[in-house]
Protein backbone atom coordinates (compact mmCIF):
# COMPACT_ATOMS: atom_id res chain seq x y z
CA MET A 1 70.61 74.84 93.67
CA PRO A 2 70.55 75.71 97.36
CA LEU A 3 67.87 74.27 99.61
CA ILE A 4 66.46 77.78 100.11
CA THR A 5 66.61 79.89 96.96
CA GLY A 6 66.27 83.61 96.38
CA GLU A 7 62.75 82.92 95.12
CA GLU A 8 61.72 82.04 98.68
CA PRO A 9 62.36 85.40 100.37
CA LEU A 10 60.45 84.70 103.59
CA ALA A 11 62.31 81.44 104.16
CA LEU A 12 65.67 83.08 103.44
CA TRP A 13 64.89 86.04 105.71
CA SER A 14 63.97 83.60 108.49
CA VAL A 15 67.35 81.84 108.19
CA ILE A 16 69.22 85.16 108.16
CA LEU A 17 67.35 86.47 111.22
CA LEU A 18 67.68 83.22 113.16
CA THR A 19 71.38 83.11 112.34
CA ALA A 20 71.75 86.66 113.63
CA ALA A 21 69.89 85.76 116.84
CA PHE A 22 72.05 82.67 117.36
CA SER A 23 75.26 84.61 116.70
CA ILE A 24 74.38 87.36 119.17
CA TRP A 25 73.46 84.78 121.83
CA ALA A 26 76.50 82.58 121.20
CA GLY A 27 78.84 85.57 121.22
CA ASN A 28 77.81 86.27 124.82
CA THR A 29 78.60 82.75 126.03
CA ARG A 30 81.93 81.83 127.56
CA LEU A 31 82.97 79.64 124.62
CA GLY A 32 81.55 81.84 121.88
CA GLY A 33 83.14 84.93 123.40
CA HIS A 34 86.53 83.65 122.26
CA ILE A 35 85.37 83.96 118.65
CA SER A 36 82.89 86.85 119.11
CA GLY A 37 79.39 87.10 117.73
CA ILE A 38 80.88 88.68 114.62
CA GLY A 39 83.05 85.69 113.84
CA ILE A 40 80.20 83.28 114.58
CA ALA A 41 77.87 85.18 112.24
CA ILE A 42 80.38 85.15 109.38
CA PHE A 43 81.39 81.52 109.91
CA ALA A 44 77.76 80.38 110.18
CA ALA A 45 76.89 82.17 106.93
CA ILE A 46 79.90 80.64 105.16
CA PHE A 47 78.78 77.19 106.31
CA LEU A 48 75.15 77.70 105.32
CA SER A 49 75.97 78.95 101.81
CA ASN A 50 78.69 76.41 101.06
CA ALA A 51 76.57 73.56 102.43
CA GLY A 52 73.91 74.46 99.89
CA ILE A 53 71.33 75.66 102.41
CA ILE A 54 71.17 79.33 101.40
CA PRO A 55 72.29 81.07 98.16
CA ARG A 56 75.55 83.00 97.86
CA THR A 57 73.96 85.88 96.00
CA GLY A 58 70.48 87.25 95.54
CA PRO A 59 68.19 90.26 95.83
CA ILE A 60 67.88 89.94 99.60
CA TYR A 61 71.64 90.36 100.03
CA ASP A 62 71.48 93.32 97.63
CA THR A 63 68.79 94.83 99.84
CA ILE A 64 71.04 94.46 102.88
CA PHE A 65 74.04 95.99 101.10
CA ASN A 66 72.18 98.79 99.33
CA TYR A 67 69.60 99.80 101.92
CA LEU A 68 70.07 98.33 105.40
CA LEU A 69 73.83 98.95 105.67
CA PRO A 70 73.59 102.67 104.73
CA VAL A 71 70.82 103.08 107.33
CA SER A 72 72.86 101.33 110.02
CA ILE A 73 75.76 103.80 109.75
CA PRO A 74 73.83 106.88 110.98
CA LEU A 75 72.23 104.82 113.75
CA LEU A 76 75.69 103.95 115.05
CA LEU A 77 76.97 107.52 114.72
CA PHE A 78 74.13 109.55 116.25
CA GLU A 79 75.92 109.62 119.61
CA ALA A 80 79.38 110.23 118.13
CA ASN A 81 80.98 113.34 119.63
CA LEU A 82 83.94 114.14 117.40
CA LYS A 83 85.78 116.26 119.96
CA LYS A 84 85.70 113.44 122.46
CA ILE A 85 86.55 110.80 119.86
CA ILE A 86 89.54 112.67 118.46
CA ARG A 87 90.81 113.33 121.97
CA GLU A 88 90.48 109.71 123.09
CA THR A 89 91.24 107.71 119.92
CA GLY A 90 93.36 109.97 117.75
CA THR A 91 96.05 107.28 117.54
CA MET A 92 93.77 105.17 115.33
CA LEU A 93 95.14 107.02 112.30
CA LEU A 94 98.70 105.99 113.21
CA ALA A 95 97.59 102.38 113.58
CA PHE A 96 95.87 102.54 110.18
CA LEU A 97 98.95 103.95 108.44
CA ILE A 98 101.16 101.29 110.04
CA GLY A 99 98.73 98.68 108.75
CA ALA A 100 98.87 100.18 105.24
CA VAL A 101 102.66 99.87 105.24
CA GLY A 102 102.20 96.26 106.35
CA ILE A 103 99.90 95.63 103.34
CA VAL A 104 102.52 96.99 100.93
CA LEU A 105 105.19 94.78 102.52
CA GLY A 106 102.82 91.81 102.36
CA VAL A 107 102.20 92.35 98.65
CA LEU A 108 105.94 92.52 97.93
CA VAL A 109 106.55 89.34 99.93
CA GLY A 110 103.59 87.61 98.29
CA VAL A 111 104.65 88.22 94.69
CA THR A 112 108.14 87.00 95.62
CA ILE A 113 107.17 83.63 97.11
CA ILE A 114 103.88 82.80 95.30
CA PRO A 115 104.12 81.94 91.57
CA LEU A 116 101.44 84.10 89.96
CA GLY A 117 102.89 84.20 86.46
CA GLU A 118 102.39 87.10 84.10
CA ASN A 119 99.50 88.43 86.18
CA SER A 120 101.60 89.06 89.29
CA ALA A 121 101.84 92.84 88.78
CA GLY A 122 98.11 93.21 88.19
CA LEU A 123 97.24 91.07 91.21
CA ALA A 124 99.69 92.99 93.38
CA GLY A 125 98.09 96.27 92.36
CA VAL A 126 94.46 95.28 92.88
CA PHE A 127 95.09 93.50 96.20
CA ALA A 128 97.13 96.38 97.60
CA ALA A 129 94.36 98.75 96.55
CA THR A 130 91.51 96.72 98.02
CA TYR A 131 93.34 95.95 101.31
CA ILE A 132 94.23 99.61 101.84
CA GLY A 133 91.00 101.00 100.42
CA GLY A 134 88.14 98.78 99.36
CA SER A 135 86.24 97.16 96.52
CA MET A 136 85.95 100.50 94.77
CA ASN A 137 89.76 100.68 94.61
CA PHE A 138 89.91 97.07 93.39
CA GLY A 139 87.79 97.99 90.37
CA ALA A 140 89.62 101.26 89.74
CA VAL A 141 93.08 99.66 89.68
CA SER A 142 91.91 96.75 87.54
CA GLN A 143 90.77 99.24 84.90
CA ALA A 144 93.73 101.58 85.21
CA SER A 145 96.21 98.71 84.94
CA GLY A 146 94.49 96.93 82.07
CA PHE A 147 93.95 93.91 84.33
CA GLN A 148 90.51 93.15 82.93
CA ASN A 149 90.45 89.40 82.29
CA SER A 150 86.94 88.69 83.56
CA SER A 151 87.56 85.08 84.62
CA LEU A 152 90.73 85.98 86.48
CA LEU A 153 89.05 88.98 88.09
CA SER A 154 86.17 86.87 89.35
CA THR A 155 88.65 84.35 90.72
CA ALA A 156 90.57 87.13 92.46
CA ILE A 157 87.35 88.48 93.96
CA ALA A 158 86.42 85.00 95.24
CA ALA A 159 89.86 84.58 96.81
CA ASP A 160 89.70 88.06 98.31
CA THR A 161 86.25 87.41 99.84
CA LEU A 162 87.31 84.08 101.31
CA ALA A 163 90.60 85.33 102.74
CA THR A 164 89.05 88.52 104.10
CA ASN A 165 86.26 86.69 105.92
CA PHE A 166 88.62 84.23 107.60
CA TYR A 167 91.05 87.02 108.43
CA ILE A 168 88.35 89.07 110.14
CA ILE A 169 87.29 86.03 112.18
CA THR A 170 90.93 85.43 113.17
CA VAL A 171 91.83 88.99 114.07
CA MET A 172 88.65 89.45 116.12
CA ALA A 173 89.65 86.43 118.19
CA LEU A 174 92.96 88.02 119.25
CA PRO A 175 91.57 89.56 122.49
CA SER A 176 90.77 86.06 123.74
CA ILE A 177 94.44 85.00 123.47
CA LEU A 178 96.01 85.63 126.86
CA LEU A 179 99.56 86.05 125.52
CA ILE A 180 98.39 88.71 123.05
CA ARG A 181 96.50 90.58 125.78
CA ARG A 182 99.58 90.59 128.00
CA TRP A 183 101.86 91.60 125.16
CA ILE A 184 99.63 94.44 123.91
CA PRO A 185 97.37 95.78 126.68
CA SER A 186 93.99 97.33 125.90
CA ARG A 187 92.19 99.77 128.15
CA ILE A 188 89.29 99.86 125.67
CA ILE A 189 88.74 96.09 125.86
CA ASP A 190 89.12 96.10 129.64
CA ASP A 191 86.59 98.91 130.04
CA THR A 192 84.10 97.18 127.71
CA GLN A 193 84.38 93.89 129.55
CA GLN A 194 83.97 95.62 132.90
CA ALA A 195 80.88 97.45 131.64
CA ARG A 196 79.36 94.14 130.55
CA ARG A 197 80.09 92.59 133.92
CA ASP A 198 78.47 95.57 135.61
CA ASP A 199 75.38 95.15 133.43
CA GLN A 200 75.12 91.52 134.50
CA THR A 201 75.81 91.99 138.19
CA ASP A 202 74.36 95.40 139.01
CA ALA A 203 70.70 94.41 139.20
CA PRO A 204 69.38 97.73 140.58
CA ALA A 205 71.12 99.72 137.81
CA ALA A 206 69.83 97.36 135.15
CA PHE A 207 66.33 97.55 136.58
CA ALA A 208 66.45 101.33 136.68
CA ARG A 209 67.51 101.57 133.04
CA PRO A 210 64.56 102.91 131.02
CA PRO A 211 63.08 100.52 128.44
CA LEU A 212 63.42 101.02 124.71
CA ARG A 213 60.86 103.44 123.32
CA LEU A 214 59.19 102.60 120.05
CA SER A 215 58.77 106.27 119.18
CA HIS A 216 62.53 106.81 119.60
CA ILE A 217 63.37 103.85 117.37
CA CYS A 218 60.96 105.05 114.67
CA LEU A 219 62.39 108.57 114.85
CA ALA A 220 65.97 107.29 114.66
CA LEU A 221 65.17 104.99 111.72
CA GLY A 222 63.40 107.80 109.90
CA LEU A 223 66.31 110.19 110.38
CA ALA A 224 68.89 107.52 109.46
CA THR A 225 66.97 106.63 106.30
CA ALA A 226 66.74 110.30 105.30
CA ILE A 227 70.50 110.68 105.79
CA ALA A 228 71.17 107.56 103.70
CA ALA A 229 68.92 108.88 100.94
CA ALA A 230 70.68 112.25 101.01
CA GLY A 231 74.07 110.53 100.82
CA HIS A 232 73.08 108.63 97.68
CA TRP A 233 71.59 111.78 96.16
CA LEU A 234 74.86 113.67 96.74
CA GLU A 235 76.78 110.77 95.21
CA GLU A 236 74.72 111.06 92.03
CA TYR A 237 74.72 114.86 92.02
CA PHE A 238 78.52 115.12 92.20
CA GLU A 239 78.96 112.03 89.97
CA MET A 240 81.19 110.33 92.56
CA ALA A 241 80.25 106.67 92.21
CA GLY A 242 81.07 104.62 95.29
CA TYR A 243 81.32 107.62 97.61
CA ALA A 244 77.80 107.52 99.08
CA ILE A 245 79.16 106.13 102.34
CA ILE A 246 81.42 109.18 102.70
CA PHE A 247 78.49 111.56 102.36
CA ILE A 248 76.37 109.41 104.70
CA THR A 249 79.11 109.42 107.33
CA ILE A 250 79.55 113.19 107.13
CA LEU A 251 75.81 113.84 107.33
CA ALA A 252 75.37 111.33 110.17
CA LEU A 253 77.93 113.18 112.27
CA ILE A 254 76.04 116.48 112.09
CA PRO A 255 73.13 115.72 114.48
CA GLY A 256 75.32 114.12 117.15
CA ASN A 257 77.76 117.03 117.17
CA ALA A 258 75.27 119.86 116.67
CA PHE A 259 72.83 118.53 119.26
CA PRO A 260 74.83 116.06 121.40
CA GLU A 261 72.56 116.13 124.44
CA ARG A 262 69.34 115.67 122.48
CA MET A 263 70.74 112.84 120.34
CA ALA A 264 72.08 111.09 123.43
CA GLN A 265 68.52 110.92 124.74
CA LEU A 266 67.37 108.77 121.83
CA GLN A 267 67.00 105.20 123.08
CA GLY A 268 67.65 102.13 120.97
CA THR A 269 69.81 103.64 118.21
CA GLN A 270 72.88 101.53 118.97
CA GLN A 271 70.86 98.31 119.39
CA THR A 272 68.96 98.86 116.15
CA GLY A 273 72.10 99.71 114.23
CA LEU A 274 73.88 96.67 115.65
CA PHE A 275 71.01 94.43 114.59
CA LEU A 276 71.34 95.67 111.00
CA ILE A 277 75.10 95.13 111.15
CA TYR A 278 74.66 91.45 111.96
CA LEU A 279 72.50 91.09 108.86
CA PHE A 280 75.30 92.74 106.86
CA LEU A 281 77.92 90.37 108.26
CA ILE A 282 75.79 87.34 107.40
CA ALA A 283 75.33 88.60 103.83
CA ILE A 284 79.12 89.07 103.55
CA GLY A 285 79.84 85.56 104.82
CA ALA A 286 77.28 83.98 102.51
CA GLY A 287 79.19 85.26 99.49
CA ALA A 288 82.39 83.34 100.30
CA ASP A 289 83.09 80.34 98.05
CA VAL A 290 85.17 77.79 99.96
CA ARG A 291 85.34 75.44 96.96
CA ALA A 292 87.11 78.11 94.94
CA MET A 293 89.97 77.90 97.41
CA PHE A 294 90.79 74.41 96.14
CA GLY A 295 90.40 75.25 92.47
CA SER A 296 91.85 77.89 90.22
CA ALA A 297 91.81 80.43 93.04
CA LEU A 298 94.27 78.47 95.20
CA PRO A 299 97.44 80.42 94.24
CA ILE A 300 95.61 83.74 94.48
CA THR A 301 94.08 82.73 97.83
CA ALA A 302 97.55 81.78 99.07
CA PHE A 303 98.86 85.14 97.86
CA SER A 304 96.10 87.07 99.66
CA LEU A 305 96.72 85.10 102.87
CA VAL A 306 100.45 85.90 102.69
CA VAL A 307 99.61 89.60 102.32
CA LEU A 308 97.34 89.48 105.37
CA ILE A 309 99.78 87.46 107.50
CA VAL A 310 102.64 89.87 106.78
CA HIS A 311 100.32 92.81 107.43
CA LEU A 312 99.37 91.49 110.87
CA ALA A 313 102.91 90.40 111.71
CA PHE A 314 104.08 93.95 110.98
CA LEU A 315 101.18 95.80 112.60
CA LEU A 316 101.23 94.12 116.02
CA PRO A 317 104.91 94.57 116.99
CA VAL A 318 105.13 98.08 115.52
CA GLY A 319 101.87 98.98 117.25
CA ARG A 320 103.27 97.71 120.52
CA LEU A 321 106.42 99.77 119.93
CA PHE A 322 104.22 102.90 119.70
CA ARG A 323 102.21 101.76 122.77
CA LEU A 324 98.96 101.55 120.80
CA ASP A 325 95.84 99.91 122.23
CA LEU A 326 95.11 96.36 121.04
CA ALA A 327 91.50 97.30 120.19
CA GLU A 328 92.77 100.19 118.04
CA LEU A 329 95.15 97.87 116.20
CA ILE A 330 92.40 95.33 115.57
CA ILE A 331 89.92 97.88 114.23
CA ALA A 332 92.62 99.69 112.22
CA SER A 333 93.48 96.35 110.62
CA ASN A 334 89.80 95.83 109.82
CA ALA A 335 89.72 99.32 108.30
CA ASN A 336 92.66 98.31 106.09
CA VAL A 337 91.36 94.93 105.03
CA GLY A 338 87.58 95.33 105.18
CA GLY A 339 87.24 99.06 104.58
CA SER A 340 84.97 101.59 106.24
CA THR A 341 81.80 99.58 105.62
CA SER A 342 82.98 96.77 107.89
CA ALA A 343 85.45 98.37 110.33
CA GLY A 344 82.94 100.74 111.93
CA PRO A 345 80.20 98.11 112.22
CA ILE A 346 82.64 95.57 113.68
CA ALA A 347 83.79 98.09 116.29
CA ALA A 348 80.15 98.69 117.22
CA ALA A 349 79.42 94.97 117.35
CA ARG A 350 82.26 94.48 119.84
CA GLY A 351 80.99 97.32 122.00
CA TRP A 352 84.00 99.56 121.22
CA ASN A 353 81.72 102.47 120.40
CA LYS A 354 84.40 105.15 120.68
CA LEU A 355 86.25 103.52 117.76
CA VAL A 356 83.30 103.49 115.34
CA THR A 357 83.80 106.93 113.79
CA PRO A 358 87.63 106.76 113.66
CA ALA A 359 87.31 103.37 111.96
CA ILE A 360 84.98 104.74 109.30
CA LEU A 361 87.12 107.82 108.74
CA CYS A 362 90.26 105.68 108.40
CA GLY A 363 88.42 103.53 105.89
CA VAL A 364 87.50 106.66 103.94
CA LEU A 365 91.18 107.66 103.94
CA GLY A 366 91.98 104.21 102.58
CA ASN A 367 89.50 104.78 99.75
CA ALA A 368 91.29 108.02 98.94
CA ILE A 369 94.83 106.60 98.81
CA GLY A 370 94.30 102.93 97.89
CA THR A 371 94.06 103.45 94.14
CA PHE A 372 97.25 105.51 93.99
CA ILE A 373 99.22 102.93 96.00
CA GLY A 374 97.82 100.05 93.94
CA ILE A 375 98.75 101.67 90.62
CA ALA A 376 102.20 102.59 91.96
CA LEU A 377 102.87 98.95 92.91
CA PHE A 378 101.58 97.77 89.55
CA ASN A 379 103.99 100.11 87.73
CA LEU A 380 106.84 99.09 90.04
CA LEU A 381 106.38 95.37 89.41
CA SER A 382 105.51 95.55 85.68
């Protein structure tokens, strides 16, 4: 039993909120900036859950996944101008497709060098599906391929969660590696860092910036919640389980593109959305089981790590060949591995706001094609 259980909601909420506050603060320090607040939040949650301080699962995490995350997406998209985004970050799709090819290559390499036994074809299919699409594709391929051994599936999910969390922490640290920055330049990262320096050094501009308005935050939260509710209603109406995030994303883009000037005047939408994203990242990290890595999940964990290593080793040089931005490659990789629910929020958490919508849309594309690719690999290797 963890020190703080799910039956102590106020205590657990306090730990989650304090962890978020610490992660945001630490991510802005010189040392923590090398990992990013995102990585610190995930790593801190992994430590807290595996040290027996907080639970790995519980109703509070379900609340974050089911309610707070859907609300955060519209908040982060209210200022998204699609014309501007497509014009400035249209190459994100190319980066995503390169990453998908890297996942397929990684799966083929993984089943060749890691002894997975008679389950190798099923594991190849579900991991290709989930790393190109998402958890929805994982479940779909497991059913379509007959790979339904519950104990093995739970082990695969544990390995996937662990490998994905550590991969996200690693890939988000790439901008702090000087050799990587020189090898693959990034105008997006440079502009973001310069903007942060300007915020810290330009005292008159910072002083002149209007304060957050409570009425604006309430209005934005109300509108975001209505959009999230409508997205779930459409999911049920069309009987498309798992596609609520697609409807929410589409609906969230309407206000910002129909009334761009008015939506841009809302103050506090990005900050509020980012706050909710940190809660989401902490809930994700808390679900990782480090002990499983040294048990029955070890071969599957090794397999998933091989897939991710090959994916990154393919994505970076090919991305450089096409002169893609390092930030685009990083977020495209997150869209591959983590899906739309994490890629967009991670882009927002890093301050790469122009990549938020492309990241989500690429993740949606992954949901659309992941199942087909996973089943194709399963049939190929069977």
